[in-house]
Amino acid sequence: MAASLVYSEAMKTVTQQWFGEHFNQLHPDLQVLHTHGGTLFGEVEVSYGAGLAFLIGKRFGKKLGLPKTAGVTELRVEISHTDDAMIWCRQFSNTPNAMTSLFSPQGMYPFGNWTETIGAITIDLGVEIRHGEWHWVQRAAKLMGVPIPKVLLPAVTASKFVSDNLYHFNVMLSHRGLGMLLQYSGALSLDTVKSSEARML
């Protein structure tokens, strides 16, 4: 019995292991995506702030691989897992390079967090499950290993949920004194072949 339990745990993705018994509180399609991975694709809208917020937002956008100009563009996201991390590789249609986020788990839900690494930026994020939706909760951030003071740290608001068979998401960076710096959001389709295969496993 013990060997069987160890084998079962080893077969789970790091996302399933991190959430533990709470994993089934997520929407079923979010469970599929974070169990088997897959490809999301569709149109998203990118926005930047005004004035100084625009200049700062553009700098952050460049580091995050966002398009230089605001507006509607296409996005493709590949989701996969390694033994100890979750990987999101985002490719906007009008940018030359993909934006890859490596999510490393620390502890377990609900008190643990994920450390997202994007280039030289690392962000510690907790998670709240609300009515099957996944909401990120920012806790800290570093640039090249140096903690960013809270007074300078942009607030990250990010969530994902499934409705009408579409994967909805919203990501916004804002500053208490400047307002919205940048935002991108959309409703993406999950690769139907991978989705149907995943449901049969």
Protein backbone atom coordinates (compact mmCIF):
# COMPACT_ATOMS: atom_id res chain seq x y z
CA MET A 1 0.00 0.00 0.00
CA ALA A 2 2.80 2.43 0.90
CA ALA A 3 4.61 1.78 -2.38
CA SER A 4 1.37 2.31 -4.30
CA LEU A 5 0.80 5.64 -2.54
CA VAL A 6 4.33 6.84 -3.34
CA TYR A 7 3.88 5.88 -6.99
CA SER A 8 0.55 7.73 -7.14
CA GLU A 9 2.07 10.90 -5.69
CA ALA A 10 5.00 10.71 -8.12
CA MET A 11 2.61 10.63 -11.06
CA LYS A 12 1.03 13.92 -10.02
CA THR A 13 2.24 17.23 -11.42
CA VAL A 14 3.84 19.75 -9.08
CA THR A 15 0.62 21.79 -9.32
CA GLN A 16 -1.51 18.89 -8.09
CA GLN A 17 0.97 18.16 -5.31
CA TRP A 18 1.10 21.82 -4.22
CA PHE A 19 -2.69 22.14 -3.97
CA GLY A 20 -3.13 18.72 -2.41
CA GLU A 21 -6.74 17.92 -1.54
CA HIS A 22 -7.76 21.46 -2.56
CA PHE A 23 -6.93 20.81 -6.24
CA ASN A 24 -10.48 19.60 -6.93
CA GLN A 25 -11.83 23.01 -5.87
CA LEU A 26 -10.57 24.43 -9.18
CA HIS A 27 -12.83 24.41 -12.24
CA PRO A 28 -12.58 20.97 -13.97
CA ASP A 29 -11.01 22.51 -17.09
CA LEU A 30 -8.37 24.25 -14.98
CA GLN A 31 -7.66 20.87 -13.40
CA VAL A 32 -7.18 19.33 -16.86
CA LEU A 33 -4.85 22.13 -17.94
CA HIS A 34 -2.72 21.81 -14.82
CA THR A 35 -2.66 18.02 -14.97
CA HIS A 36 -1.84 17.39 -18.63
CA GLY A 37 -0.67 20.77 -19.91
CA GLY A 38 -1.81 22.04 -23.29
CA THR A 39 -1.89 24.96 -25.68
CA LEU A 40 -3.99 28.10 -25.33
CA PHE A 41 -4.50 30.48 -28.22
CA GLY A 42 -6.63 33.47 -29.18
CA GLU A 43 -6.85 37.25 -29.16
CA VAL A 44 -5.86 39.40 -26.20
CA GLU A 45 -5.89 43.12 -25.55
CA VAL A 46 -2.78 44.93 -24.34
CA SER A 47 -3.03 48.33 -22.62
CA TYR A 48 -0.54 50.79 -21.15
CA GLY A 49 -1.05 53.66 -18.71
CA ALA A 50 -0.74 57.36 -19.43
CA GLY A 51 2.07 59.83 -18.78
CA LEU A 52 4.78 58.51 -16.46
CA ALA A 53 2.77 55.30 -15.98
CA PHE A 54 3.04 54.74 -19.74
CA LEU A 55 6.85 55.04 -19.71
CA ILE A 56 7.23 52.73 -16.72
CA GLY A 57 4.66 50.31 -18.09
CA LYS A 58 6.51 50.11 -21.41
CA ARG A 59 9.76 49.26 -19.59
CA PHE A 60 8.06 46.48 -17.65
CA GLY A 61 6.29 45.34 -20.82
CA LYS A 62 9.60 44.99 -22.62
CA LYS A 63 11.02 42.84 -19.81
CA LEU A 64 7.86 40.71 -19.87
CA GLY A 65 7.89 40.22 -23.64
CA LEU A 66 4.71 42.23 -24.35
CA PRO A 67 4.13 44.03 -27.67
CA LYS A 68 5.47 47.59 -27.91
CA THR A 69 2.10 49.04 -28.83
CA ALA A 70 -1.29 48.72 -27.17
CA GLY A 71 -4.22 47.04 -28.91
CA VAL A 72 -5.51 43.62 -29.87
CA THR A 73 -3.01 40.93 -30.77
CA GLU A 74 -2.82 37.14 -30.88
CA LEU A 75 -1.31 35.11 -28.06
CA ARG A 76 -0.27 31.48 -27.91
CA VAL A 77 0.61 29.85 -24.59
CA GLU A 78 2.24 26.45 -24.08
CA ILE A 79 1.76 24.98 -20.59
CA SER A 80 3.93 22.10 -19.39
CA HIS A 81 5.44 20.63 -16.22
CA THR A 82 8.80 19.33 -15.14
CA ASP A 83 9.33 17.24 -12.02
CA ASP A 84 9.66 20.38 -9.88
CA ALA A 85 8.19 23.31 -11.82
CA MET A 86 5.34 24.58 -13.99
CA ILE A 87 6.29 26.30 -17.26
CA TRP A 88 4.25 28.87 -19.21
CA CYS A 89 5.69 29.92 -22.57
CA ARG A 90 3.82 32.91 -24.08
CA GLN A 91 4.26 34.11 -27.66
CA PHE A 92 2.57 37.32 -28.83
CA SER A 93 2.08 37.49 -32.60
CA ASN A 94 3.94 40.78 -33.08
CA THR A 95 6.94 40.17 -30.83
CA PRO A 96 10.11 38.30 -31.87
CA ASN A 97 10.75 36.43 -28.64
CA ALA A 98 8.62 34.22 -26.45
CA MET A 99 8.07 35.12 -22.79
CA THR A 100 8.75 32.11 -20.57
CA SER A 101 7.71 31.95 -16.92
CA LEU A 102 9.10 29.26 -14.65
CA PHE A 103 6.90 28.69 -11.59
CA SER A 104 8.60 26.92 -8.68
CA PRO A 105 6.41 25.82 -5.74
CA GLN A 106 7.24 26.53 -2.11
CA GLY A 107 5.29 24.84 0.67
CA MET A 108 1.67 23.93 -0.02
CA TYR A 109 -1.70 25.62 -0.50
CA PRO A 110 -3.05 27.75 1.11
CA PHE A 111 0.00 29.09 2.98
CA GLY A 112 2.74 28.30 0.46
CA ASN A 113 3.56 30.24 -2.67
CA TRP A 114 4.93 30.01 -6.20
CA THR A 115 8.08 31.83 -7.26
CA GLU A 116 7.69 33.05 -10.85
CA THR A 117 10.94 33.69 -12.69
CA ILE A 118 10.91 35.82 -15.85
CA GLY A 119 14.44 36.65 -16.87
CA ALA A 120 16.01 38.70 -14.05
CA ILE A 121 12.67 39.21 -12.27
CA THR A 122 11.33 36.86 -9.58
CA ILE A 123 7.90 37.27 -7.99
CA ASP A 124 6.54 35.38 -4.97
CA LEU A 125 2.84 34.66 -5.48
CA GLY A 126 0.27 33.02 -3.25
CA VAL A 127 -3.01 31.62 -4.58
CA GLU A 128 -6.64 32.05 -3.59
CA ILE A 129 -9.35 29.78 -5.01
CA ARG A 130 -12.63 31.67 -5.42
CA HIS A 131 -15.60 29.81 -6.90
CA GLY A 132 -13.28 27.57 -8.92
CA GLU A 133 -11.18 30.50 -10.13
CA TRP A 134 -7.42 30.85 -9.63
CA HIS A 135 -6.37 34.25 -8.21
CA TRP A 136 -2.72 35.14 -7.73
CA VAL A 137 -1.74 37.08 -4.58
CA GLN A 138 1.52 39.02 -4.82
CA ARG A 139 3.81 38.78 -1.79
CA ALA A 140 7.29 39.97 -2.83
CA ALA A 141 9.52 40.56 -5.85
CA LYS A 142 13.22 40.74 -6.68
CA LEU A 143 15.23 42.17 -9.55
CA MET A 144 18.51 40.35 -10.18
CA GLY A 145 18.19 38.86 -6.70
CA VAL A 146 17.74 42.21 -4.96
CA PRO A 147 14.39 42.72 -3.14
CA ILE A 148 12.29 45.52 -4.61
CA PRO A 149 11.11 47.92 -1.84
CA LYS A 150 7.35 47.86 -1.36
CA VAL A 151 7.12 51.59 -2.09
CA LEU A 152 8.53 50.93 -5.57
CA LEU A 153 6.94 47.55 -6.15
CA PRO A 154 4.08 47.56 -8.67
CA ALA A 155 0.98 45.71 -7.54
CA VAL A 156 0.23 42.59 -9.59
CA THR A 157 -3.40 41.63 -10.05
CA ALA A 158 -3.83 38.36 -11.94
CA SER A 159 -6.51 35.70 -12.25
CA LYS A 160 -7.67 32.87 -14.49
CA PHE A 161 -10.98 31.08 -14.84
CA VAL A 162 -12.96 29.05 -17.35
CA SER A 163 -16.35 30.09 -18.73
CA ASP A 164 -18.18 29.01 -21.90
CA ASN A 165 -15.29 26.62 -22.67
CA LEU A 166 -12.85 29.55 -22.85
CA TYR A 167 -9.89 30.24 -20.62
CA HIS A 168 -10.28 33.81 -19.33
CA PHE A 169 -7.37 35.64 -17.78
CA ASN A 170 -6.41 39.14 -16.71
CA VAL A 171 -3.00 40.46 -15.68
CA MET A 172 -2.48 44.04 -14.51
CA LEU A 173 0.47 45.91 -13.05
CA SER A 174 -0.37 49.12 -11.20
CA HIS A 175 1.22 51.61 -8.82
CA ARG A 176 -0.61 53.28 -5.96
CA GLY A 177 0.54 56.74 -7.06
CA LEU A 178 0.45 56.33 -10.84
CA GLY A 179 -2.44 53.95 -11.45
CA MET A 180 -2.40 51.27 -14.14
CA LEU A 181 1.02 50.66 -15.71
CA LEU A 182 0.11 47.85 -18.08
CA GLN A 183 -2.61 45.26 -18.56
CA TYR A 184 -3.29 42.35 -20.85
CA SER A 185 -6.35 40.11 -20.85
CA GLY A 186 -8.37 37.86 -23.07
CA ALA A 187 -10.39 34.67 -23.53
CA LEU A 188 -8.37 31.86 -25.07
CA SER A 189 -9.30 28.51 -26.55
CA LEU A 190 -7.66 25.32 -25.30
CA ASP A 191 -6.20 23.10 -28.01
CA THR A 192 -9.19 20.80 -28.66
CA VAL A 193 -7.13 17.72 -29.53
CA LYS A 194 -5.02 17.91 -26.37
CA SER A 195 -8.06 18.78 -24.29
CA SER A 196 -10.07 15.79 -25.51
CA GLU A 197 -7.08 13.48 -25.08
CA ALA A 198 -6.57 14.75 -21.56
CA ARG A 199 -10.17 14.07 -20.63
CA MET A 200 -9.81 10.44 -21.71
CA LEU A 201 -6.74 9.82 -19.51
